[in-house]
Amino acid sequence: MEQPKKKESTDKPVEVSSYYEKYPYGLRITLNKEALKKLGLSSKDFSSGQTGTLEASYTIISTSDRTSIEGGDNMSVELQITGLALSQNKKKSAQVAKPR
């Protein structure tokens, strides 16, 4: 789900300056105190850089498929997460769950 690397110009190289620019907006989930409580977890159960697997159920809220002069073809699917399960990897590794 990483964004494609930005094209480098001849003036100066462009680097991903932040982890936040690496993935598209909307792929981040924040679990507040109430959500963590429902999962039987707390923020103390996690550490920065830790990896794990997320499994979610969802309901599709809307779909869109459009074309514009300026943006060309564009499509999107908006989904609402309705259920969530987390499992934690014990080692700080870069394992990524493979999409089904």
PDB file of N, CA and C in Angstrom:
ATOM      1  N   MET A   1       0.802  -1.192   0.000  1.00  0.00           N
ATOM      2  CA  MET A   1       0.000   0.000   0.000  1.00  0.00           C
ATOM      3  C   MET A   1       0.853   1.267   0.000  1.00  0.00           C
ATOM      4  N   GLU A   2       2.174   1.092  -0.068  1.00  0.00           N
ATOM      5  CA  GLU A   2       3.033   2.274  -0.113  1.00  0.00           C
ATOM      6  C   GLU A   2       2.735   3.088  -1.356  1.00  0.00           C
ATOM      7  N   GLN A   3       2.868   4.398  -1.239  1.00  0.00           N
ATOM      8  CA  GLN A   3       2.714   5.289  -2.377  1.00  0.00           C
ATOM      9  C   GLN A   3       3.912   5.095  -3.305  1.00  0.00           C
ATOM     10  N   PRO A   4       3.732   5.308  -4.607  1.00  0.00           N
ATOM     11  CA  PRO A   4       4.890   5.265  -5.496  1.00  0.00           C
ATOM     12  C   PRO A   4       5.852   6.388  -5.122  1.00  0.00           C
ATOM     13  N   LYS A   5       7.136   6.119  -5.312  1.00  0.00           N
ATOM     14  CA  LYS A   5       8.130   7.147  -4.995  1.00  0.00           C
ATOM     15  C   LYS A   5       7.953   8.323  -5.936  1.00  0.00           C
ATOM     16  N   LYS A   6       8.162   9.514  -5.379  1.00  0.00           N
ATOM     17  CA  LYS A   6       8.040  10.732  -6.176  1.00  0.00           C
ATOM     18  C   LYS A   6       9.160  10.768  -7.201  1.00  0.00           C
ATOM     19  N   LYS A   7       8.829  11.276  -8.386  1.00  0.00           N
ATOM     20  CA  LYS A   7       9.843  11.395  -9.433  1.00  0.00           C
ATOM     21  C   LYS A   7      10.862  12.451  -9.032  1.00  0.00           C
ATOM     22  N   GLU A   8      12.106  12.132  -9.274  1.00  0.00           N
ATOM     23  CA  GLU A   8      13.166  13.074  -8.939  1.00  0.00           C
ATOM     24  C   GLU A   8      13.326  14.084 -10.063  1.00  0.00           C
ATOM     25  N   SER A   9      13.466  15.344  -9.689  1.00  0.00           N
ATOM     26  CA  SER A   9      13.727  16.371 -10.685  1.00  0.00           C
ATOM     27  C   SER A   9      15.236  16.513 -10.843  1.00  0.00           C
ATOM     28  N   THR A  10      15.640  17.209 -11.875  1.00  0.00           N
ATOM     29  CA  THR A  10      17.075  17.412 -12.079  1.00  0.00           C
ATOM     30  C   THR A  10      17.631  18.463 -11.133  1.00  0.00           C
ATOM     31  N   ASP A  11      16.755  19.291 -10.538  1.00  0.00           N
ATOM     32  CA  ASP A  11      17.208  20.342  -9.619  1.00  0.00           C
ATOM     33  C   ASP A  11      17.708  19.761  -8.299  1.00  0.00           C
ATOM     34  N   LYS A  12      16.886  18.956  -7.661  1.00  0.00           N
ATOM     35  CA  LYS A  12      17.281  18.356  -6.390  1.00  0.00           C
ATOM     36  C   LYS A  12      16.501  17.069  -6.194  1.00  0.00           C
ATOM     37  N   PRO A  13      17.106  16.079  -5.563  1.00  0.00           N
ATOM     38  CA  PRO A  13      16.401  14.821  -5.344  1.00  0.00           C
ATOM     39  C   PRO A  13      15.263  14.992  -4.341  1.00  0.00           C
ATOM     40  N   VAL A  14      14.165  14.265  -4.592  1.00  0.00           N
ATOM     41  CA  VAL A  14      13.021  14.293  -3.689  1.00  0.00           C
ATOM     42  C   VAL A  14      13.004  12.982  -2.931  1.00  0.00           C
ATOM     43  N   GLU A  15      12.986  13.065  -1.623  1.00  0.00           N
ATOM     44  CA  GLU A  15      12.937  11.875  -0.791  1.00  0.00           C
ATOM     45  C   GLU A  15      11.657  11.887   0.018  1.00  0.00           C
ATOM     46  N   VAL A  16      11.230  10.695   0.446  1.00  0.00           N
ATOM     47  CA  VAL A  16      10.116  10.643   1.375  1.00  0.00           C
ATOM     48  C   VAL A  16      10.674  11.124   2.697  1.00  0.00           C
ATOM     49  N   SER A  17      10.264  12.326   3.093  1.00  0.00           N
ATOM     50  CA  SER A  17      10.840  12.945   4.276  1.00  0.00           C
ATOM     51  C   SER A  17      10.184  12.469   5.552  1.00  0.00           C
ATOM     52  N   SER A  18       9.097  11.769   5.442  1.00  0.00           N
ATOM     53  CA  SER A  18       8.367  11.387   6.628  1.00  0.00           C
ATOM     54  C   SER A  18       7.651  10.067   6.401  1.00  0.00           C
ATOM     55  N   TYR A  19       7.549   9.309   7.471  1.00  0.00           N
ATOM     56  CA  TYR A  19       6.787   8.054   7.425  1.00  0.00           C
ATOM     57  C   TYR A  19       5.350   8.342   7.020  1.00  0.00           C
ATOM     58  N   TYR A  20       4.836   9.515   7.414  1.00  0.00           N
ATOM     59  CA  TYR A  20       3.454   9.877   7.137  1.00  0.00           C
ATOM     60  C   TYR A  20       3.181  10.080   5.653  1.00  0.00           C
ATOM     61  N   GLU A  21       4.196  10.374   4.864  1.00  0.00           N
ATOM     62  CA  GLU A  21       4.021  10.567   3.433  1.00  0.00           C
ATOM     63  C   GLU A  21       4.147   9.261   2.655  1.00  0.00           C
ATOM     64  N   LYS A  22       4.518   8.189   3.339  1.00  0.00           N
ATOM     65  CA  LYS A  22       4.793   6.932   2.678  1.00  0.00           C
ATOM     66  C   LYS A  22       3.515   6.204   2.230  1.00  0.00           C
ATOM     67  N   TYR A  23       2.441   6.391   2.966  1.00  0.00           N
ATOM     68  CA  TYR A  23       1.186   5.708   2.679  1.00  0.00           C
ATOM     69  C   TYR A  23       0.082   6.729   2.437  1.00  0.00           C
ATOM     70  N   PRO A  24      -0.912   6.387   1.601  1.00  0.00           N
ATOM     71  CA  PRO A  24      -1.990   7.336   1.297  1.00  0.00           C
ATOM     72  C   PRO A  24      -2.811   7.708   2.526  1.00  0.00           C
ATOM     73  N   TYR A  25      -3.362   8.911   2.506  1.00  0.00           N
ATOM     74  CA  TYR A  25      -4.244   9.377   3.559  1.00  0.00           C
ATOM     75  C   TYR A  25      -5.419   8.411   3.682  1.00  0.00           C
ATOM     76  N   GLY A  26      -5.823   8.137   4.863  1.00  0.00           N
ATOM     77  CA  GLY A  26      -6.979   7.279   5.066  1.00  0.00           C
ATOM     78  C   GLY A  26      -6.623   5.846   5.408  1.00  0.00           C
ATOM     79  N   LEU A  27      -5.351   5.464   5.315  1.00  0.00           N
ATOM     80  CA  LEU A  27      -4.967   4.106   5.664  1.00  0.00           C
ATOM     81  C   LEU A  27      -4.548   3.989   7.134  1.00  0.00           C
ATOM     82  N   ARG A  28      -4.621   5.048   7.865  1.00  0.00           N
ATOM     83  CA  ARG A  28      -4.243   5.042   9.276  1.00  0.00           C
ATOM     84  C   ARG A  28      -5.498   4.914  10.127  1.00  0.00           C
ATOM     85  N   ILE A  29      -5.420   4.108  11.163  1.00  0.00           N
ATOM     86  CA  ILE A  29      -6.524   3.931  12.100  1.00  0.00           C
ATOM     87  C   ILE A  29      -6.038   4.327  13.483  1.00  0.00           C
ATOM     88  N   THR A  30      -6.807   5.127  14.179  1.00  0.00           N
ATOM     89  CA  THR A  30      -6.501   5.502  15.546  1.00  0.00           C
ATOM     90  C   THR A  30      -7.522   4.858  16.468  1.00  0.00           C
ATOM     91  N   LEU A  31      -7.042   4.136  17.460  1.00  0.00           N
ATOM     92  CA  LEU A  31      -7.920   3.511  18.437  1.00  0.00           C
ATOM     93  C   LEU A  31      -7.902   4.356  19.707  1.00  0.00           C
ATOM     94  N   ASN A  32      -9.048   4.913  20.076  1.00  0.00           N
ATOM     95  CA  ASN A  32      -9.108   5.727  21.289  1.00  0.00           C
ATOM     96  C   ASN A  32      -9.304   4.816  22.510  1.00  0.00           C
ATOM     97  N   LYS A  33      -9.402   5.429  23.674  1.00  0.00           N
ATOM     98  CA  LYS A  33      -9.501   4.692  24.935  1.00  0.00           C
ATOM     99  C   LYS A  33     -10.670   3.708  24.925  1.00  0.00           C
ATOM    100  N   GLU A  34     -11.825   4.153  24.439  1.00  0.00           N
ATOM    101  CA  GLU A  34     -13.012   3.297  24.415  1.00  0.00           C
ATOM    102  C   GLU A  34     -12.830   2.104  23.477  1.00  0.00           C
ATOM    103  N   ALA A  35     -12.242   2.351  22.301  1.00  0.00           N
ATOM    104  CA  ALA A  35     -12.018   1.264  21.340  1.00  0.00           C
ATOM    105  C   ALA A  35     -11.032   0.249  21.901  1.00  0.00           C
ATOM    106  N   LEU A  36      -9.948   0.737  22.516  1.00  0.00           N
ATOM    107  CA  LEU A  36      -8.968  -0.176  23.122  1.00  0.00           C
ATOM    108  C   LEU A  36      -9.614  -1.006  24.221  1.00  0.00           C
ATOM    109  N   LYS A  37     -10.472  -0.370  25.004  1.00  0.00           N
ATOM    110  CA  LYS A  37     -11.160  -1.080  26.092  1.00  0.00           C
ATOM    111  C   LYS A  37     -12.036  -2.200  25.530  1.00  0.00           C
ATOM    112  N   LYS A  38     -12.762  -1.931  24.442  1.00  0.00           N
ATOM    113  CA  LYS A  38     -13.607  -2.949  23.811  1.00  0.00           C
ATOM    114  C   LYS A  38     -12.778  -4.123  23.303  1.00  0.00           C
ATOM    115  N   LEU A  39     -11.529  -3.852  22.919  1.00  0.00           N
ATOM    116  CA  LEU A  39     -10.627  -4.907  22.446  1.00  0.00           C
ATOM    117  C   LEU A  39      -9.890  -5.591  23.598  1.00  0.00           C
ATOM    118  N   GLY A  40     -10.098  -5.099  24.822  1.00  0.00           N
ATOM    119  CA  GLY A  40      -9.413  -5.669  25.975  1.00  0.00           C
ATOM    120  C   GLY A  40      -7.939  -5.309  26.017  1.00  0.00           C
ATOM    121  N   LEU A  41      -7.598  -4.139  25.476  1.00  0.00           N
ATOM    122  CA  LEU A  41      -6.207  -3.704  25.384  1.00  0.00           C
ATOM    123  C   LEU A  41      -6.049  -2.316  25.971  1.00  0.00           C
ATOM    124  N   SER A  42      -4.799  -1.901  26.145  1.00  0.00           N
ATOM    125  CA  SER A  42      -4.491  -0.517  26.508  1.00  0.00           C
ATOM    126  C   SER A  42      -3.275  -0.090  25.692  1.00  0.00           C
ATOM    127  N   SER A  43      -2.964   1.185  25.728  1.00  0.00           N
ATOM    128  CA  SER A  43      -1.817   1.676  24.967  1.00  0.00           C
ATOM    129  C   SER A  43      -0.516   1.060  25.480  1.00  0.00           C
ATOM    130  N   LYS A  44      -0.497   0.600  26.714  1.00  0.00           N
ATOM    131  CA  LYS A  44       0.703  -0.019  27.296  1.00  0.00           C
ATOM    132  C   LYS A  44       0.996  -1.398  26.686  1.00  0.00           C
ATOM    133  N   ASP A  45       0.013  -1.952  25.967  1.00  0.00           N
ATOM    134  CA  ASP A  45       0.205  -3.244  25.313  1.00  0.00           C
ATOM    135  C   ASP A  45       0.985  -3.120  24.004  1.00  0.00           C
ATOM    136  N   PHE A  46       1.309  -1.907  23.596  1.00  0.00           N
ATOM    137  CA  PHE A  46       1.961  -1.657  22.322  1.00  0.00           C
ATOM    138  C   PHE A  46       3.210  -0.805  22.511  1.00  0.00           C
ATOM    139  N   SER A  47       4.111  -0.879  21.532  1.00  0.00           N
ATOM    140  CA  SER A  47       5.268   0.014  21.502  1.00  0.00           C
ATOM    141  C   SER A  47       5.492   0.471  20.064  1.00  0.00           C
ATOM    142  N   SER A  48       6.003   1.661  19.885  1.00  0.00           N
ATOM    143  CA  SER A  48       6.246   2.208  18.551  1.00  0.00           C
ATOM    144  C   SER A  48       7.158   1.278  17.760  1.00  0.00           C
ATOM    145  N   GLY A  49       6.830   1.052  16.516  1.00  0.00           N
ATOM    146  CA  GLY A  49       7.621   0.187  15.655  1.00  0.00           C
ATOM    147  C   GLY A  49       7.169  -1.268  15.685  1.00  0.00           C
ATOM    148  N   GLN A  50       6.335  -1.618  16.644  1.00  0.00           N
ATOM    149  CA  GLN A  50       5.825  -2.987  16.740  1.00  0.00           C
ATOM    150  C   GLN A  50       4.916  -3.267  15.551  1.00  0.00           C
ATOM    151  N   THR A  51       4.905  -4.487  15.082  1.00  0.00           N
ATOM    152  CA  THR A  51       4.045  -4.856  13.960  1.00  0.00           C
ATOM    153  C   THR A  51       3.028  -5.883  14.422  1.00  0.00           C
ATOM    154  N   GLY A  52       2.017  -6.064  13.622  1.00  0.00           N
ATOM    155  CA  GLY A  52       0.983  -7.034  13.946  1.00  0.00           C
ATOM    156  C   GLY A  52       0.046  -7.195  12.770  1.00  0.00           C
ATOM    157  N   THR A  53      -1.013  -7.912  13.001  1.00  0.00           N
ATOM    158  CA  THR A  53      -2.008  -8.167  11.969  1.00  0.00           C
ATOM    159  C   THR A  53      -3.335  -7.603  12.428  1.00  0.00           C
ATOM    160  N   LEU A  54      -4.026  -6.957  11.524  1.00  0.00           N
ATOM    161  CA  LEU A  54      -5.335  -6.392  11.786  1.00  0.00           C
ATOM    162  C   LEU A  54      -6.332  -7.117  10.905  1.00  0.00           C
ATOM    163  N   GLU A  55      -7.426  -7.551  11.487  1.00  0.00           N
ATOM    164  CA  GLU A  55      -8.502  -8.149  10.708  1.00  0.00           C
ATOM    165  C   GLU A  55      -9.743  -7.336  11.002  1.00  0.00           C
ATOM    166  N   ALA A  56     -10.421  -6.922   9.969  1.00  0.00           N
ATOM    167  CA  ALA A  56     -11.579  -6.050  10.161  1.00  0.00           C
ATOM    168  C   ALA A  56     -12.750  -6.514   9.312  1.00  0.00           C
ATOM    169  N   SER A  57     -13.941  -6.283   9.834  1.00  0.00           N
ATOM    170  CA  SER A  57     -15.139  -6.436   9.020  1.00  0.00           C
ATOM    171  C   SER A  57     -15.635  -5.027   8.712  1.00  0.00           C
ATOM    172  N   TYR A  58     -16.331  -4.872   7.622  1.00  0.00           N
ATOM    173  CA  TYR A  58     -16.728  -3.545   7.177  1.00  0.00           C
ATOM    174  C   TYR A  58     -18.037  -3.585   6.427  1.00  0.00           C
ATOM    175  N   THR A  59     -18.618  -2.411   6.250  1.00  0.00           N
ATOM    176  CA  THR A  59     -19.788  -2.200   5.420  1.00  0.00           C
ATOM    177  C   THR A  59     -19.417  -1.127   4.402  1.00  0.00           C
ATOM    178  N   ILE A  60     -19.709  -1.376   3.141  1.00  0.00           N
ATOM    179  CA  ILE A  60     -19.446  -0.375   2.106  1.00  0.00           C
ATOM    180  C   ILE A  60     -20.476   0.739   2.253  1.00  0.00           C
ATOM    181  N   ILE A  61     -19.987   1.963   2.385  1.00  0.00           N
ATOM    182  CA  ILE A  61     -20.840   3.129   2.541  1.00  0.00           C
ATOM    183  C   ILE A  61     -21.161   3.753   1.189  1.00  0.00           C
ATOM    184  N   SER A  62     -20.158   3.830   0.303  1.00  0.00           N
ATOM    185  CA  SER A  62     -20.394   4.406  -1.011  1.00  0.00           C
ATOM    186  C   SER A  62     -19.319   3.946  -1.988  1.00  0.00           C
ATOM    187  N   THR A  63     -19.663   4.024  -3.263  1.00  0.00           N
ATOM    188  CA  THR A  63     -18.690   3.779  -4.329  1.00  0.00           C
ATOM    189  C   THR A  63     -18.784   4.946  -5.306  1.00  0.00           C
ATOM    190  N   SER A  64     -17.674   5.231  -5.971  1.00  0.00           N
ATOM    191  CA  SER A  64     -17.650   6.336  -6.910  1.00  0.00           C
ATOM    192  C   SER A  64     -16.725   5.985  -8.065  1.00  0.00           C
ATOM    193  N   ASP A  65     -17.158   6.322  -9.256  1.00  0.00           N
ATOM    194  CA  ASP A  65     -16.356   6.137 -10.460  1.00  0.00           C
ATOM    195  C   ASP A  65     -16.634   7.342 -11.348  1.00  0.00           C
ATOM    196  N   ARG A  66     -15.647   8.209 -11.490  1.00  0.00           N
ATOM    197  CA  ARG A  66     -15.892   9.443 -12.233  1.00  0.00           C
ATOM    198  C   ARG A  66     -14.687   9.830 -13.069  1.00  0.00           C
ATOM    199  N   THR A  67     -14.939  10.712 -14.013  1.00  0.00           N
ATOM    200  CA  THR A  67     -13.910  11.254 -14.884  1.00  0.00           C
ATOM    201  C   THR A  67     -14.026  12.769 -14.879  1.00  0.00           C
ATOM    202  N   SER A  68     -12.882  13.447 -14.791  1.00  0.00           N
ATOM    203  CA  SER A  68     -12.898  14.906 -14.866  1.00  0.00           C
ATOM    204  C   SER A  68     -11.808  15.369 -15.827  1.00  0.00           C
ATOM    205  N   ILE A  69     -11.941  16.578 -16.304  1.00  0.00           N
ATOM    206  CA  ILE A  69     -10.970  17.135 -17.235  1.00  0.00           C
ATOM    207  C   ILE A  69      -9.606  17.248 -16.577  1.00  0.00           C
ATOM    208  N   GLU A  70      -9.574  17.746 -15.351  1.00  0.00           N
ATOM    209  CA  GLU A  70      -8.299  17.995 -14.685  1.00  0.00           C
ATOM    210  C   GLU A  70      -7.692  16.746 -14.069  1.00  0.00           C
ATOM    211  N   GLY A  71      -8.532  15.872 -13.522  1.00  0.00           N
ATOM    212  CA  GLY A  71      -8.003  14.733 -12.772  1.00  0.00           C
ATOM    213  C   GLY A  71      -8.016  13.416 -13.511  1.00  0.00           C
ATOM    214  N   GLY A  72      -8.633  13.368 -14.666  1.00  0.00           N
ATOM    215  CA  GLY A  72      -8.724  12.106 -15.382  1.00  0.00           C
ATOM    216  C   GLY A  72      -9.686  11.159 -14.688  1.00  0.00           C
ATOM    217  N   ASP A  73      -9.434   9.880 -14.838  1.00  0.00           N
ATOM    218  CA  ASP A  73     -10.289   8.872 -14.215  1.00  0.00           C
ATOM    219  C   ASP A  73      -9.996   8.773 -12.729  1.00  0.00           C
ATOM    220  N   ASN A  74     -11.035   8.609 -11.944  1.00  0.00           N
ATOM    221  CA  ASN A  74     -10.884   8.472 -10.502  1.00  0.00           C
ATOM    222  C   ASN A  74     -11.956   7.526  -9.990  1.00  0.00           C
ATOM    223  N   MET A  75     -11.583   6.669  -9.070  1.00  0.00           N
ATOM    224  CA  MET A  75     -12.564   5.786  -8.450  1.00  0.00           C
ATOM    225  C   MET A  75     -12.235   5.646  -6.977  1.00  0.00           C
ATOM    226  N   SER A  76     -13.261   5.375  -6.187  1.00  0.00           N
ATOM    227  CA  SER A  76     -13.045   5.173  -4.765  1.00  0.00           C
ATOM    228  C   SER A  76     -14.147   4.305  -4.187  1.00  0.00           C
ATOM    229  N   VAL A  77     -13.837   3.699  -3.063  1.00  0.00           N
ATOM    230  CA  VAL A  77     -14.797   2.923  -2.288  1.00  0.00           C
ATOM    231  C   VAL A  77     -14.633   3.379  -0.847  1.00  0.00           C
ATOM    232  N   GLU A  78     -15.714   3.813  -0.232  1.00  0.00           N
ATOM    233  CA  GLU A  78     -15.674   4.227   1.168  1.00  0.00           C
ATOM    234  C   GLU A  78     -16.262   3.109   2.007  1.00  0.00           C
ATOM    235  N   LEU A  79     -15.508   2.691   3.015  1.00  0.00           N
ATOM    236  CA  LEU A  79     -16.009   1.633   3.870  1.00  0.00           C
ATOM    237  C   LEU A  79     -15.958   2.042   5.328  1.00  0.00           C
ATOM    238  N   GLN A  80     -16.897   1.510   6.079  1.00  0.00           N
ATOM    239  CA  GLN A  80     -16.966   1.744   7.515  1.00  0.00           C
ATOM    240  C   GLN A  80     -16.543   0.469   8.212  1.00  0.00           C
ATOM    241  N   ILE A  81     -15.503   0.550   9.037  1.00  0.00           N
ATOM    242  CA  ILE A  81     -15.088  -0.615   9.816  1.00  0.00           C
ATOM    243  C   ILE A  81     -16.135  -0.852  10.886  1.00  0.00           C
ATOM    244  N   THR A  82     -16.681  -2.074  10.940  1.00  0.00           N
ATOM    245  CA  THR A  82     -17.731  -2.405  11.899  1.00  0.00           C
ATOM    246  C   THR A  82     -17.261  -3.400  12.955  1.00  0.00           C
ATOM    247  N   GLY A  83     -16.156  -4.076  12.702  1.00  0.00           N
ATOM    248  CA  GLY A  83     -15.586  -5.014  13.661  1.00  0.00           C
ATOM    249  C   GLY A  83     -14.087  -5.047  13.478  1.00  0.00           C
ATOM    250  N   LEU A  84     -13.353  -5.366  14.559  1.00  0.00           N
ATOM    251  CA  LEU A  84     -11.905  -5.278  14.508  1.00  0.00           C
ATOM    252  C   LEU A  84     -11.289  -6.326  15.413  1.00  0.00           C
ATOM    253  N   ALA A  85     -10.209  -6.946  14.950  1.00  0.00           N
ATOM    254  CA  ALA A  85      -9.410  -7.866  15.766  1.00  0.00           C
ATOM    255  C   ALA A  85      -7.940  -7.575  15.480  1.00  0.00           C
ATOM    256  N   LEU A  86      -7.119  -7.618  16.518  1.00  0.00           N
ATOM    257  CA  LEU A  86      -5.688  -7.369  16.391  1.00  0.00           C
ATOM    258  C   LEU A  86      -4.911  -8.546  16.931  1.00  0.00           C
ATOM    259  N   SER A  87      -3.805  -8.881  16.276  1.00  0.00           N
ATOM    260  CA  SER A  87      -2.846  -9.827  16.837  1.00  0.00           C
ATOM    261  C   SER A  87      -1.479  -9.186  16.711  1.00  0.00           C
ATOM    262  N   GLN A  88      -0.659  -9.388  17.727  1.00  0.00           N
ATOM    263  CA  GLN A  88       0.627  -8.703  17.781  1.00  0.00           C
ATOM    264  C   GLN A  88       1.766  -9.659  17.496  1.00  0.00           C
ATOM    265  N   ASN A  89       2.736  -9.175  16.702  1.00  0.00           N
ATOM    266  CA  ASN A  89       3.973  -9.909  16.512  1.00  0.00           C
ATOM    267  C   ASN A  89       4.862  -9.573  17.695  1.00  0.00           C
ATOM    268  N   LYS A  90       5.521 -10.559  18.240  1.00  0.00           N
ATOM    269  CA  LYS A  90       6.362 -10.328  19.417  1.00  0.00           C
ATOM    270  C   LYS A  90       7.663  -9.628  19.064  1.00  0.00           C
ATOM    271  N   LYS A  91       8.168  -9.847  17.854  1.00  0.00           N
ATOM    272  CA  LYS A  91       9.406  -9.204  17.416  1.00  0.00           C
ATOM    273  C   LYS A  91       9.067  -7.965  16.611  1.00  0.00           C
ATOM    274  N   LYS A  92       9.940  -6.971  16.664  1.00  0.00           N
ATOM    275  CA  LYS A  92       9.775  -5.760  15.857  1.00  0.00           C
ATOM    276  C   LYS A  92      10.299  -6.042  14.456  1.00  0.00           C
ATOM    277  N   SER A  93       9.458  -6.651  13.630  1.00  0.00           N
ATOM    278  CA  SER A  93       9.878  -6.983  12.278  1.00  0.00           C
ATOM    279  C   SER A  93       8.974  -6.258  11.288  1.00  0.00           C
ATOM    280  N   ALA A  94       9.352  -6.315  10.050  1.00  0.00           N
ATOM    281  CA  ALA A  94       8.595  -5.617   9.009  1.00  0.00           C
ATOM    282  C   ALA A  94       7.685  -6.579   8.264  1.00  0.00           C
ATOM    283  N   GLN A  95       7.111  -7.547   8.961  1.00  0.00           N
ATOM    284  CA  GLN A  95       6.200  -8.474   8.307  1.00  0.00           C
ATOM    285  C   GLN A  95       4.909  -7.761   7.990  1.00  0.00           C
ATOM    286  N   VAL A  96       4.361  -8.068   6.830  1.00  0.00           N
ATOM    287  CA  VAL A  96       3.118  -7.455   6.400  1.00  0.00           C
ATOM    288  C   VAL A  96       2.166  -8.565   6.041  1.00  0.00           C
ATOM    289  N   ALA A  97       0.922  -8.455   6.507  1.00  0.00           N
ATOM    290  CA  ALA A  97      -0.092  -9.440   6.159  1.00  0.00           C
ATOM    291  C   ALA A  97      -0.376  -9.364   4.672  1.00  0.00           C
ATOM    292  N   LYS A  98      -0.506 -10.494   4.030  1.00  0.00           N
ATOM    293  CA  LYS A  98      -0.801 -10.523   2.609  1.00  0.00           C
ATOM    294  C   LYS A  98      -2.303 -10.368   2.418  1.00  0.00           C
ATOM    295  N   PRO A  99      -2.725  -9.505   1.464  1.00  0.00           N
ATOM    296  CA  PRO A  99      -4.156  -9.317   1.230  1.00  0.00           C
ATOM    297  C   PRO A  99      -4.790 -10.613   0.751  1.00  0.00           C
ATOM    298  N   ARG A 100      -6.049 -10.799   1.119  1.00  0.00           N
ATOM    299  CA  ARG A 100      -6.770 -11.996   0.670  1.00  0.00           C
ATOM    300  C   ARG A 100      -7.483 -11.741  -0.606  1.00  0.00           C
TER     301      ARG A 100
END
